[in-house]
Amino acid sequence: MTEPRWLDRDEERMWLAFLRMRRTLDVAIDGQLAEAGLSAADYDVLAPLSESDGQVLRVRDLAAGIGWDRSRIAHHLRRMEQRGLVARSECRTDGRGTMVRLTEQGRAMITAAAPGHVATVRRVLLDQLDPDDLVRLTAIAERVVEVAGSAGTARTGGPT
């Protein structure tokens, strides 16, 4: 068995700071979205729908875009549909597929939530960065997502 590469003091400090940052960002964003009547998961679904052509996407494409598996997207869309935020229908070009569409109520909810969401992201993260920080953090985040994403795809067989 190979000995683990333990974190040195600087690496551990960075890792713990990153975890605290991630948690505090989640708390700030979750709180703002809750005030608007949405969960972070709701926003994850509504944002790409609101930006798509016709405000409609194939469920499997939406799931892949937000990194959710088939079960999670199906359950969450069911709950969102019950609340009137989205509507599902059969795919006209492929009877096996399902489409999801943003409803007027869903559009109203994301339209109302978006300004506060952006303000929160700016206040708690972007305003803390100078232009060089922004470039570096973007590059780091993209590298980490690429490595972690490919590890997740290899482990799970990819999103459905």
C-alpha atoms as a PDB file:
ATOM      1  CA  MET A   1       0.000   0.000   0.000  1.00  0.00           C
ATOM      2  CA  THR A   2       1.332   3.422  -0.963  1.00  0.00           C
ATOM      3  CA  GLU A   3       1.794   5.970   1.823  1.00  0.00           C
ATOM      4  CA  PRO A   4      -0.575   8.948   1.379  1.00  0.00           C
ATOM      5  CA  ARG A   5       0.913  12.312   0.429  1.00  0.00           C
ATOM      6  CA  TRP A   6      -0.185  14.182   3.555  1.00  0.00           C
ATOM      7  CA  LEU A   7      -0.850  17.883   3.313  1.00  0.00           C
ATOM      8  CA  ASP A   8       1.879  20.164   4.534  1.00  0.00           C
ATOM      9  CA  ARG A   9       0.996  23.152   6.707  1.00  0.00           C
ATOM     10  CA  ASP A  10       0.441  25.566   3.795  1.00  0.00           C
ATOM     11  CA  GLU A  11      -1.608  23.046   1.831  1.00  0.00           C
ATOM     12  CA  GLU A  12      -3.750  22.268   4.867  1.00  0.00           C
ATOM     13  CA  ARG A  13      -4.297  25.981   5.541  1.00  0.00           C
ATOM     14  CA  MET A  14      -5.393  26.508   1.925  1.00  0.00           C
ATOM     15  CA  TRP A  15      -7.672  23.464   1.986  1.00  0.00           C
ATOM     16  CA  LEU A  16      -9.389  24.466   5.221  1.00  0.00           C
ATOM     17  CA  ALA A  17      -9.762  28.069   4.021  1.00  0.00           C
ATOM     18  CA  PHE A  18     -11.248  26.799   0.756  1.00  0.00           C
ATOM     19  CA  LEU A  19     -13.758  24.624   2.645  1.00  0.00           C
ATOM     20  CA  ARG A  20     -14.786  27.555   4.862  1.00  0.00           C
ATOM     21  CA  MET A  21     -15.080  29.800   1.791  1.00  0.00           C
ATOM     22  CA  ARG A  22     -17.227  27.266  -0.060  1.00  0.00           C
ATOM     23  CA  ARG A  23     -19.514  26.801   2.943  1.00  0.00           C
ATOM     24  CA  THR A  24     -19.899  30.529   3.617  1.00  0.00           C
ATOM     25  CA  LEU A  25     -20.609  31.195  -0.081  1.00  0.00           C
ATOM     26  CA  ASP A  26     -23.251  28.461  -0.026  1.00  0.00           C
ATOM     27  CA  VAL A  27     -24.858  29.923   3.107  1.00  0.00           C
ATOM     28  CA  ALA A  28     -24.931  33.451   1.653  1.00  0.00           C
ATOM     29  CA  ILE A  29     -26.360  32.310  -1.684  1.00  0.00           C
ATOM     30  CA  ASP A  30     -28.827  29.861  -0.120  1.00  0.00           C
ATOM     31  CA  GLY A  31     -30.091  32.610   2.182  1.00  0.00           C
ATOM     32  CA  GLN A  32     -30.599  35.097  -0.639  1.00  0.00           C
ATOM     33  CA  LEU A  33     -32.375  32.539  -2.808  1.00  0.00           C
ATOM     34  CA  ALA A  34     -34.587  31.429   0.093  1.00  0.00           C
ATOM     35  CA  GLU A  35     -35.709  35.046   0.514  1.00  0.00           C
ATOM     36  CA  ALA A  36     -36.772  34.899  -3.146  1.00  0.00           C
ATOM     37  CA  GLY A  37     -38.644  31.610  -2.596  1.00  0.00           C
ATOM     38  CA  LEU A  38     -36.119  29.382  -4.357  1.00  0.00           C
ATOM     39  CA  SER A  39     -33.533  26.811  -3.393  1.00  0.00           C
ATOM     40  CA  ALA A  40     -30.068  26.681  -4.912  1.00  0.00           C
ATOM     41  CA  ALA A  41     -31.192  23.536  -6.772  1.00  0.00           C
ATOM     42  CA  ASP A  42     -34.193  25.432  -8.172  1.00  0.00           C
ATOM     43  CA  TYR A  43     -31.859  28.180  -9.395  1.00  0.00           C
ATOM     44  CA  ASP A  44     -29.518  25.584 -10.923  1.00  0.00           C
ATOM     45  CA  VAL A  45     -32.452  24.370 -13.053  1.00  0.00           C
ATOM     46  CA  LEU A  46     -34.141  27.702 -13.766  1.00  0.00           C
ATOM     47  CA  ALA A  47     -31.038  29.626 -14.861  1.00  0.00           C
ATOM     48  CA  PRO A  48     -30.129  27.455 -17.884  1.00  0.00           C
ATOM     49  CA  LEU A  49     -33.798  27.159 -18.857  1.00  0.00           C
ATOM     50  CA  SER A  50     -34.195  30.941 -18.764  1.00  0.00           C
ATOM     51  CA  GLU A  51     -31.158  31.344 -21.023  1.00  0.00           C
ATOM     52  CA  SER A  52     -32.052  28.608 -23.543  1.00  0.00           C
ATOM     53  CA  ASP A  53     -33.782  29.110 -26.880  1.00  0.00           C
ATOM     54  CA  GLY A  54     -37.510  29.053 -26.238  1.00  0.00           C
ATOM     55  CA  GLN A  55     -36.812  28.493 -22.528  1.00  0.00           C
ATOM     56  CA  VAL A  56     -36.962  24.746 -23.133  1.00  0.00           C
ATOM     57  CA  LEU A  57     -34.328  22.005 -22.906  1.00  0.00           C
ATOM     58  CA  ARG A  58     -34.191  18.272 -23.213  1.00  0.00           C
ATOM     59  CA  VAL A  59     -34.046  16.872 -19.673  1.00  0.00           C
ATOM     60  CA  ARG A  60     -30.880  14.858 -20.327  1.00  0.00           C
ATOM     61  CA  ASP A  61     -29.123  17.962 -21.701  1.00  0.00           C
ATOM     62  CA  LEU A  62     -30.198  20.039 -18.703  1.00  0.00           C
ATOM     63  CA  ALA A  63     -28.974  17.313 -16.329  1.00  0.00           C
ATOM     64  CA  ALA A  64     -25.627  17.050 -18.104  1.00  0.00           C
ATOM     65  CA  GLY A  65     -25.211  20.822 -18.098  1.00  0.00           C
ATOM     66  CA  ILE A  66     -25.712  21.125 -14.351  1.00  0.00           C
ATOM     67  CA  GLY A  67     -23.951  17.863 -13.452  1.00  0.00           C
ATOM     68  CA  TRP A  68     -26.946  15.980 -12.078  1.00  0.00           C
ATOM     69  CA  ASP A  69     -27.785  12.316 -12.511  1.00  0.00           C
ATOM     70  CA  ARG A  70     -31.050  11.051 -13.991  1.00  0.00           C
ATOM     71  CA  SER A  71     -32.684  10.305 -10.640  1.00  0.00           C
ATOM     72  CA  ARG A  72     -31.899  13.687  -9.095  1.00  0.00           C
ATOM     73  CA  ILE A  73     -33.143  15.685 -12.084  1.00  0.00           C
ATOM     74  CA  ALA A  74     -36.327  13.602 -12.348  1.00  0.00           C
ATOM     75  CA  HIS A  75     -37.216  14.044  -8.678  1.00  0.00           C
ATOM     76  CA  HIS A  76     -36.406  17.740  -8.607  1.00  0.00           C
ATOM     77  CA  LEU A  77     -38.311  18.479 -11.812  1.00  0.00           C
ATOM     78  CA  ARG A  78     -41.334  16.659 -10.373  1.00  0.00           C
ATOM     79  CA  ARG A  79     -41.253  18.913  -7.307  1.00  0.00           C
ATOM     80  CA  MET A  80     -40.722  22.035  -9.428  1.00  0.00           C
ATOM     81  CA  GLU A  81     -43.565  21.008 -11.739  1.00  0.00           C
ATOM     82  CA  GLN A  82     -45.881  20.615  -8.717  1.00  0.00           C
ATOM     83  CA  ARG A  83     -44.975  24.203  -7.741  1.00  0.00           C
ATOM     84  CA  GLY A  84     -45.734  25.447 -11.258  1.00  0.00           C
ATOM     85  CA  LEU A  85     -42.147  26.495 -12.078  1.00  0.00           C
ATOM     86  CA  VAL A  86     -41.574  24.108 -14.996  1.00  0.00           C
ATOM     87  CA  ALA A  87     -43.608  21.867 -17.289  1.00  0.00           C
ATOM     88  CA  ARG A  88     -42.473  18.587 -18.820  1.00  0.00           C
ATOM     89  CA  SER A  89     -43.566  17.111 -22.131  1.00  0.00           C
ATOM     90  CA  GLU A  90     -42.577  14.390 -24.576  1.00  0.00           C
ATOM     91  CA  CYS A  91     -39.849  15.200 -27.045  1.00  0.00           C
ATOM     92  CA  ARG A  92     -41.527  15.607 -30.458  1.00  0.00           C
ATOM     93  CA  THR A  93     -38.521  14.268 -32.359  1.00  0.00           C
ATOM     94  CA  ASP A  94     -37.796  11.330 -30.032  1.00  0.00           C
ATOM     95  CA  GLY A  95     -40.608   9.667 -28.104  1.00  0.00           C
ATOM     96  CA  ARG A  96     -38.137   8.370 -25.532  1.00  0.00           C
ATOM     97  CA  GLY A  97     -36.985  11.869 -24.583  1.00  0.00           C
ATOM     98  CA  THR A  98     -38.528  14.409 -22.245  1.00  0.00           C
ATOM     99  CA  MET A  99     -38.461  18.163 -22.615  1.00  0.00           C
ATOM    100  CA  VAL A 100     -38.678  20.657 -19.763  1.00  0.00           C
ATOM    101  CA  ARG A 101     -39.992  24.184 -20.246  1.00  0.00           C
ATOM    102  CA  LEU A 102     -39.867  27.230 -18.011  1.00  0.00           C
ATOM    103  CA  THR A 103     -43.406  28.345 -17.111  1.00  0.00           C
ATOM    104  CA  GLU A 104     -44.521  31.937 -16.663  1.00  0.00           C
ATOM    105  CA  GLN A 105     -44.380  31.425 -12.895  1.00  0.00           C
ATOM    106  CA  GLY A 106     -40.866  29.976 -13.158  1.00  0.00           C
ATOM    107  CA  ARG A 107     -39.800  32.910 -15.337  1.00  0.00           C
ATOM    108  CA  ALA A 108     -41.239  35.357 -12.795  1.00  0.00           C
ATOM    109  CA  MET A 109     -39.437  33.615  -9.923  1.00  0.00           C
ATOM    110  CA  ILE A 110     -36.004  33.639 -11.574  1.00  0.00           C
ATOM    111  CA  THR A 111     -36.494  37.187 -12.842  1.00  0.00           C
ATOM    112  CA  ALA A 112     -37.250  38.299  -9.293  1.00  0.00           C
ATOM    113  CA  ALA A 113     -34.374  36.294  -7.750  1.00  0.00           C
ATOM    114  CA  ALA A 114     -31.621  37.086 -10.276  1.00  0.00           C
ATOM    115  CA  PRO A 115     -30.780  40.684  -9.231  1.00  0.00           C
ATOM    116  CA  GLY A 116     -30.337  39.677  -5.583  1.00  0.00           C
ATOM    117  CA  HIS A 117     -28.393  36.599  -6.609  1.00  0.00           C
ATOM    118  CA  VAL A 118     -25.959  38.633  -8.703  1.00  0.00           C
ATOM    119  CA  ALA A 119     -25.649  41.236  -5.939  1.00  0.00           C
ATOM    120  CA  THR A 120     -24.818  38.498  -3.425  1.00  0.00           C
ATOM    121  CA  VAL A 121     -22.233  36.881  -5.713  1.00  0.00           C
ATOM    122  CA  ARG A 122     -20.657  40.297  -6.280  1.00  0.00           C
ATOM    123  CA  ARG A 123     -20.649  41.254  -2.590  1.00  0.00           C
ATOM    124  CA  VAL A 124     -19.305  38.014  -1.168  1.00  0.00           C
ATOM    125  CA  LEU A 125     -16.932  36.973  -3.943  1.00  0.00           C
ATOM    126  CA  LEU A 126     -16.299  39.176  -6.962  1.00  0.00           C
ATOM    127  CA  ASP A 127     -15.839  42.429  -5.041  1.00  0.00           C
ATOM    128  CA  GLN A 128     -13.129  40.677  -3.009  1.00  0.00           C
ATOM    129  CA  LEU A 129     -11.034  40.014  -6.126  1.00  0.00           C
ATOM    130  CA  ASP A 130      -8.837  42.307  -8.159  1.00  0.00           C
ATOM    131  CA  PRO A 131      -8.626  41.702 -11.935  1.00  0.00           C
ATOM    132  CA  ASP A 132      -5.543  39.459 -11.581  1.00  0.00           C
ATOM    133  CA  ASP A 133      -7.276  37.421  -8.843  1.00  0.00           C
ATOM    134  CA  LEU A 134     -10.269  36.975 -11.125  1.00  0.00           C
ATOM    135  CA  VAL A 135      -8.097  35.615 -13.953  1.00  0.00           C
ATOM    136  CA  ARG A 136      -6.176  33.293 -11.600  1.00  0.00           C
ATOM    137  CA  LEU A 137      -9.245  32.015  -9.769  1.00  0.00           C
ATOM    138  CA  THR A 138     -11.030  31.353 -13.058  1.00  0.00           C
ATOM    139  CA  ALA A 139      -8.064  29.359 -14.383  1.00  0.00           C
ATOM    140  CA  ILE A 140      -7.776  27.388 -11.129  1.00  0.00           C
ATOM    141  CA  ALA A 141     -11.497  26.642 -11.020  1.00  0.00           C
ATOM    142  CA  GLU A 142     -11.528  25.469 -14.639  1.00  0.00           C
ATOM    143  CA  ARG A 143      -8.547  23.152 -14.047  1.00  0.00           C
ATOM    144  CA  VAL A 144     -10.089  21.674 -10.913  1.00  0.00           C
ATOM    145  CA  VAL A 145     -13.443  21.144 -12.619  1.00  0.00           C
ATOM    146  CA  GLU A 146     -11.728  19.445 -15.549  1.00  0.00           C
ATOM    147  CA  VAL A 147      -9.808  17.028 -13.309  1.00  0.00           C
ATOM    148  CA  ALA A 148     -12.637  16.408 -10.833  1.00  0.00           C
ATOM    149  CA  GLY A 149     -15.202  16.189 -13.608  1.00  0.00           C
ATOM    150  CA  SER A 150     -13.230  13.595 -15.542  1.00  0.00           C
ATOM    151  CA  ALA A 151     -12.703  11.625 -12.325  1.00  0.00           C
ATOM    152  CA  GLY A 152     -16.464  11.730 -11.649  1.00  0.00           C
ATOM    153  CA  THR A 153     -17.285  10.676 -15.203  1.00  0.00           C
ATOM    154  CA  ALA A 154     -14.892   7.734 -15.007  1.00  0.00           C
ATOM    155  CA  ARG A 155     -16.403   6.691 -11.672  1.00  0.00           C
ATOM    156  CA  THR A 156     -20.085   7.079 -12.568  1.00  0.00           C
ATOM    157  CA  GLY A 157     -20.095   6.578 -16.307  1.00  0.00           C
ATOM    158  CA  GLY A 158     -21.064  10.209 -16.838  1.00  0.00           C
ATOM    159  CA  PRO A 159     -24.302  12.099 -16.528  1.00  0.00           C
ATOM    160  CA  THR A 160     -27.433  10.613 -18.077  1.00  0.00           C
END
